[in-house]
Amino acid sequence: MCGLVGILAAPLTKTETDRAAELEARVRRMARAVRHRGPDGEGVLVESGRGGTLALGHRRLAIIDPSEQAAQPMTDVSGRYTLVFNGAIYNFVELLGELGERAPAGCRSDTAALLYAWRAFGPGCLSRLNGMFAFALWDRAEQALYLVRDRFGEKPLFYSRARAPGTGLQLLFGSEAKALFAAGALVPRAALRGLAQFLATRDVDHEPERTLFEQVEQVPAGCYLRAALLPG
């Protein structure tokens, strides 16, 4: 189990440096909110694109490859893709074998297998995955963020399209809803319909995207969400 968090933010009328520093502080608060999911390390990436700023955070539980080579956020050798990942890809050895020279020598983690499978096949790689997973992948060429969840929804992935004074329009996401609240743009309020369904059925996934909180949704099982920055 690991924890992933992030913010994709539209530009504001402040300097790029100030914006990056603000988002880094916020994404670190989000990562601290899920530190119990990954006690073995923390990684953060913040960068500005043509139409906004992205901040990614990760809390790591090191199992398959405990070396720093498997630390996240992980970027491929071309620099196009960056990944933060929670879960396990059971057939990662077979995936690396299929990729051959398309994956760098020395790759030995399921994170690397997933990253280079996406680089080779794009979203088509999802049909090749045997495992449980939730991940966020940043494509610099497309200036697009992909939020992806496994077929059965074993790994959680929450998001919110939030707007708060001084923060502008932004997409918040994380492995737990409380990580979104830690970003400072949302106030936790119960969603009455979701709460009523939970009390009636004891099922928190009664509807694919609904959660127990207002303004908080989840990526449905077996689906991905794509969010792109508009050219500045």
Protein backbone atom coordinates (compact mmCIF):
# COMPACT_ATOMS: atom_id res chain seq x y z
CA MET A 1 0.00 0.00 0.00
CA CYS A 2 1.26 3.46 -0.97
CA GLY A 3 -0.34 6.89 -1.04
CA LEU A 4 -0.53 9.28 -3.97
CA VAL A 5 -1.71 12.90 -3.99
CA GLY A 6 -1.64 15.85 -6.33
CA ILE A 7 -2.96 19.16 -7.61
CA LEU A 8 -3.40 20.30 -11.21
CA ALA A 9 -3.99 24.05 -11.06
CA ALA A 10 -4.96 26.70 -13.56
CA PRO A 11 -2.67 29.76 -13.63
CA LEU A 12 -3.13 32.67 -11.22
CA THR A 13 -1.90 36.25 -11.35
CA LYS A 14 1.25 35.57 -9.34
CA THR A 15 4.81 34.69 -10.26
CA GLU A 16 5.59 31.16 -11.36
CA THR A 17 8.01 30.76 -8.44
CA ASP A 18 5.41 31.82 -5.86
CA ARG A 19 2.83 29.50 -7.40
CA ALA A 20 5.18 26.51 -7.39
CA ALA A 21 6.18 27.12 -3.77
CA GLU A 22 2.55 27.39 -2.70
CA LEU A 23 1.55 24.17 -4.45
CA GLU A 24 4.56 22.32 -3.07
CA ALA A 25 3.59 23.28 0.49
CA ARG A 26 0.02 22.18 -0.11
CA VAL A 27 0.91 18.86 -1.73
CA ARG A 28 3.29 18.08 1.14
CA ARG A 29 0.40 18.61 3.57
CA MET A 30 -1.66 16.24 1.45
CA ALA A 31 1.13 13.65 1.51
CA ARG A 32 1.43 13.91 5.29
CA ALA A 33 -2.29 13.16 5.55
CA VAL A 34 -1.66 9.72 3.98
CA ARG A 35 1.79 9.01 5.45
CA HIS A 36 0.42 5.89 7.18
CA ARG A 37 0.03 4.37 3.71
CA GLY A 38 3.74 4.76 2.97
CA PRO A 39 6.19 4.98 5.87
CA ASP A 40 9.31 4.32 3.78
CA GLY A 41 9.71 7.61 1.99
CA GLU A 42 8.17 10.71 0.42
CA GLY A 43 8.62 12.23 -3.00
CA VAL A 44 7.27 15.46 -4.50
CA LEU A 45 7.43 16.94 -7.99
CA VAL A 46 6.22 20.44 -8.91
CA GLU A 47 6.40 21.97 -12.38
CA SER A 48 4.69 24.65 -14.44
CA GLY A 49 3.29 23.89 -17.87
CA ARG A 50 1.95 26.07 -20.66
CA GLY A 51 -1.41 26.53 -18.99
CA GLY A 52 -0.91 25.89 -15.28
CA THR A 53 1.04 24.07 -12.60
CA LEU A 54 1.18 20.42 -11.53
CA ALA A 55 2.21 19.12 -8.11
CA LEU A 56 2.56 15.38 -7.47
CA GLY A 57 3.24 13.71 -4.13
CA HIS A 58 3.88 10.12 -3.08
CA ARG A 59 4.21 8.18 0.17
CA ARG A 60 6.10 4.96 -0.40
CA LEU A 61 5.77 1.47 1.03
CA ALA A 62 8.86 -0.23 -0.44
CA ILE A 63 8.25 -3.94 -1.13
CA ILE A 64 9.20 -5.25 -4.57
CA ASP A 65 12.24 -3.02 -5.12
CA PRO A 66 13.26 -1.13 -1.96
CA SER A 67 16.12 0.71 -3.72
CA GLU A 68 16.04 4.39 -4.62
CA GLN A 69 15.75 3.35 -8.27
CA ALA A 70 12.07 2.59 -7.60
CA ALA A 71 11.33 5.83 -5.72
CA GLN A 72 8.42 7.98 -6.88
CA PRO A 73 7.46 10.21 -8.59
CA MET A 74 9.18 8.19 -11.33
CA THR A 75 10.02 9.71 -14.72
CA ASP A 76 10.89 7.73 -17.85
CA VAL A 77 14.24 8.21 -19.61
CA SER A 78 12.71 10.45 -22.27
CA GLY A 79 11.37 12.84 -19.66
CA ARG A 80 7.89 12.74 -21.16
CA TYR A 81 6.04 10.72 -18.50
CA THR A 82 5.99 10.90 -14.70
CA LEU A 83 4.13 8.37 -12.54
CA VAL A 84 2.88 8.07 -8.96
CA PHE A 85 1.43 4.64 -8.26
CA ASN A 86 -0.34 2.70 -5.52
CA GLY A 87 -0.84 -1.05 -5.75
CA ALA A 88 0.81 -4.09 -7.23
CA ILE A 89 1.22 -5.31 -10.82
CA TYR A 90 1.50 -9.07 -10.45
CA ASN A 91 2.73 -9.74 -13.98
CA PHE A 92 5.40 -7.02 -14.00
CA VAL A 93 8.20 -9.48 -14.78
CA GLU A 94 6.33 -10.67 -17.88
CA LEU A 95 5.63 -7.03 -18.85
CA LEU A 96 9.29 -6.12 -18.62
CA GLY A 97 10.11 -9.17 -20.75
CA GLU A 98 7.58 -8.09 -23.38
CA LEU A 99 8.97 -4.55 -23.39
CA GLY A 100 12.52 -5.76 -23.90
CA GLU A 101 14.79 -2.89 -24.94
CA ARG A 102 11.90 -0.42 -24.66
CA ALA A 103 12.53 -0.50 -20.89
CA PRO A 104 16.00 0.49 -19.62
CA ALA A 105 18.32 -2.22 -18.34
CA GLY A 106 18.06 -2.68 -14.61
CA CYS A 107 14.32 -2.09 -14.27
CA ARG A 108 13.06 -4.47 -11.60
CA SER A 109 9.95 -2.89 -10.08
CA ASP A 110 6.28 -3.02 -10.99
CA THR A 111 6.30 0.79 -11.00
CA ALA A 112 8.90 0.84 -13.78
CA ALA A 113 7.03 -1.88 -15.68
CA LEU A 114 3.85 0.20 -15.54
CA LEU A 115 5.61 3.42 -16.57
CA TYR A 116 7.32 1.89 -19.59
CA ALA A 117 4.25 -0.11 -20.59
CA TRP A 118 2.35 3.19 -20.75
CA ARG A 119 5.20 4.73 -22.73
CA ALA A 120 5.03 1.85 -25.23
CA PHE A 121 1.27 1.31 -25.49
CA GLY A 122 -0.44 4.36 -23.95
CA PRO A 123 -3.80 3.65 -22.29
CA GLY A 124 -3.81 0.38 -24.24
CA CYS A 125 -1.39 -1.00 -21.68
CA LEU A 126 -4.22 -1.24 -19.15
CA SER A 127 -5.56 -4.41 -20.74
CA ARG A 128 -2.15 -6.02 -20.18
CA LEU A 129 -2.10 -5.36 -16.43
CA ASN A 130 -2.82 -8.10 -13.92
CA GLY A 131 -3.06 -6.51 -10.52
CA MET A 132 -4.68 -3.93 -8.27
CA PHE A 133 -3.74 -0.32 -8.83
CA ALA A 134 -4.52 3.35 -8.79
CA PHE A 135 -2.13 5.81 -10.37
CA ALA A 136 -1.64 9.32 -11.71
CA LEU A 137 0.45 9.78 -14.84
CA TRP A 138 1.59 13.13 -16.22
CA ASP A 139 2.20 13.37 -19.97
CA ARG A 140 4.30 16.46 -20.67
CA ALA A 141 3.87 16.27 -24.44
CA GLU A 142 0.08 16.30 -24.13
CA GLN A 143 0.14 18.51 -21.00
CA ALA A 144 -2.38 16.00 -19.68
CA LEU A 145 -2.89 14.15 -16.42
CA TYR A 146 -4.36 10.63 -16.35
CA LEU A 147 -6.00 9.29 -13.19
CA VAL A 148 -6.50 5.52 -13.48
CA ARG A 149 -8.17 2.89 -11.29
CA ASP A 150 -8.13 -0.91 -11.57
CA ARG A 151 -11.00 -3.01 -12.90
CA PHE A 152 -12.49 -3.91 -9.53
CA GLY A 153 -11.73 -0.68 -7.73
CA GLU A 154 -9.53 -2.41 -5.17
CA LYS A 155 -7.33 0.68 -4.83
CA PRO A 156 -9.05 4.00 -4.08
CA LEU A 157 -8.62 7.23 -6.02
CA PHE A 158 -10.58 10.35 -5.04
CA TYR A 159 -10.72 13.70 -6.79
CA SER A 160 -12.40 17.09 -6.59
CA ARG A 161 -12.77 19.98 -9.00
CA ALA A 162 -12.35 22.74 -6.46
CA ARG A 163 -12.36 26.51 -6.55
CA ALA A 164 -11.56 28.59 -3.49
CA PRO A 165 -10.65 32.26 -2.94
CA GLY A 166 -7.02 32.80 -3.89
CA THR A 167 -6.52 29.30 -5.30
CA GLY A 168 -8.34 29.42 -8.65
CA LEU A 169 -9.74 26.38 -10.48
CA GLN A 170 -7.90 23.17 -9.70
CA LEU A 171 -8.16 19.40 -9.73
CA LEU A 172 -7.24 17.78 -6.40
CA PHE A 173 -6.69 14.03 -6.15
CA GLY A 174 -5.49 11.47 -3.66
CA SER A 175 -5.67 7.97 -2.25
CA GLU A 176 -7.93 9.14 0.59
CA ALA A 177 -10.53 11.88 0.80
CA LYS A 178 -8.82 13.47 3.80
CA ALA A 179 -5.79 14.21 1.62
CA LEU A 180 -8.01 16.49 -0.48
CA PHE A 181 -9.17 18.37 2.60
CA ALA A 182 -5.55 18.84 3.68
CA ALA A 183 -4.97 20.90 0.51
CA GLY A 184 -7.00 23.72 2.04
CA ALA A 185 -9.48 24.33 -0.79
CA LEU A 186 -12.31 22.10 0.51
CA VAL A 187 -14.33 21.93 3.72
CA PRO A 188 -15.43 18.39 4.65
CA ARG A 189 -19.21 18.17 4.50
CA ALA A 190 -21.31 15.03 4.41
CA ALA A 191 -23.15 14.29 1.17
CA LEU A 192 -26.65 13.48 2.41
CA ARG A 193 -27.57 11.19 -0.48
CA GLY A 194 -24.33 9.24 -0.16
CA LEU A 195 -24.76 9.02 3.61
CA ALA A 196 -28.34 7.78 3.24
CA GLN A 197 -27.25 5.09 0.79
CA PHE A 198 -24.48 3.98 3.12
CA LEU A 199 -26.86 3.71 6.08
CA ALA A 200 -29.31 1.72 3.96
CA THR A 201 -26.85 -0.62 2.25
CA ARG A 202 -23.52 -0.36 4.16
CA ASP A 203 -21.97 0.07 0.70
CA VAL A 204 -19.75 3.10 0.14
CA ASP A 205 -19.51 2.31 -3.61
CA HIS A 206 -23.23 2.02 -4.25
CA GLU A 207 -22.82 4.45 -7.15
CA PRO A 208 -19.57 4.36 -9.14
CA GLU A 209 -18.51 8.00 -8.61
CA ARG A 210 -20.39 9.07 -5.49
CA THR A 211 -18.67 9.38 -2.10
CA LEU A 212 -19.76 10.32 1.42
CA PHE A 213 -18.49 13.90 0.96
CA GLU A 214 -19.79 16.87 -0.99
CA GLN A 215 -17.54 17.93 -3.90
CA VAL A 216 -15.53 14.71 -3.64
CA GLU A 217 -15.85 12.05 -6.34
CA GLN A 218 -13.95 8.87 -7.09
CA VAL A 219 -12.62 7.49 -10.35
CA PRO A 220 -14.96 4.57 -11.12
CA ALA A 221 -13.50 1.08 -11.17
CA GLY A 222 -12.02 0.16 -14.54
CA CYS A 223 -11.96 3.77 -15.76
CA TYR A 224 -9.55 6.63 -16.22
CA LEU A 225 -9.97 10.39 -16.09
CA ARG A 226 -7.96 12.66 -18.39
CA ALA A 227 -7.44 16.34 -17.51
CA ALA A 228 -5.46 18.60 -19.86
CA LEU A 229 -4.00 22.06 -19.40
CA LEU A 230 -5.01 24.61 -22.00
CA PRO A 231 -2.16 26.41 -23.76
CA GLY A 232 -1.23 29.59 -21.91
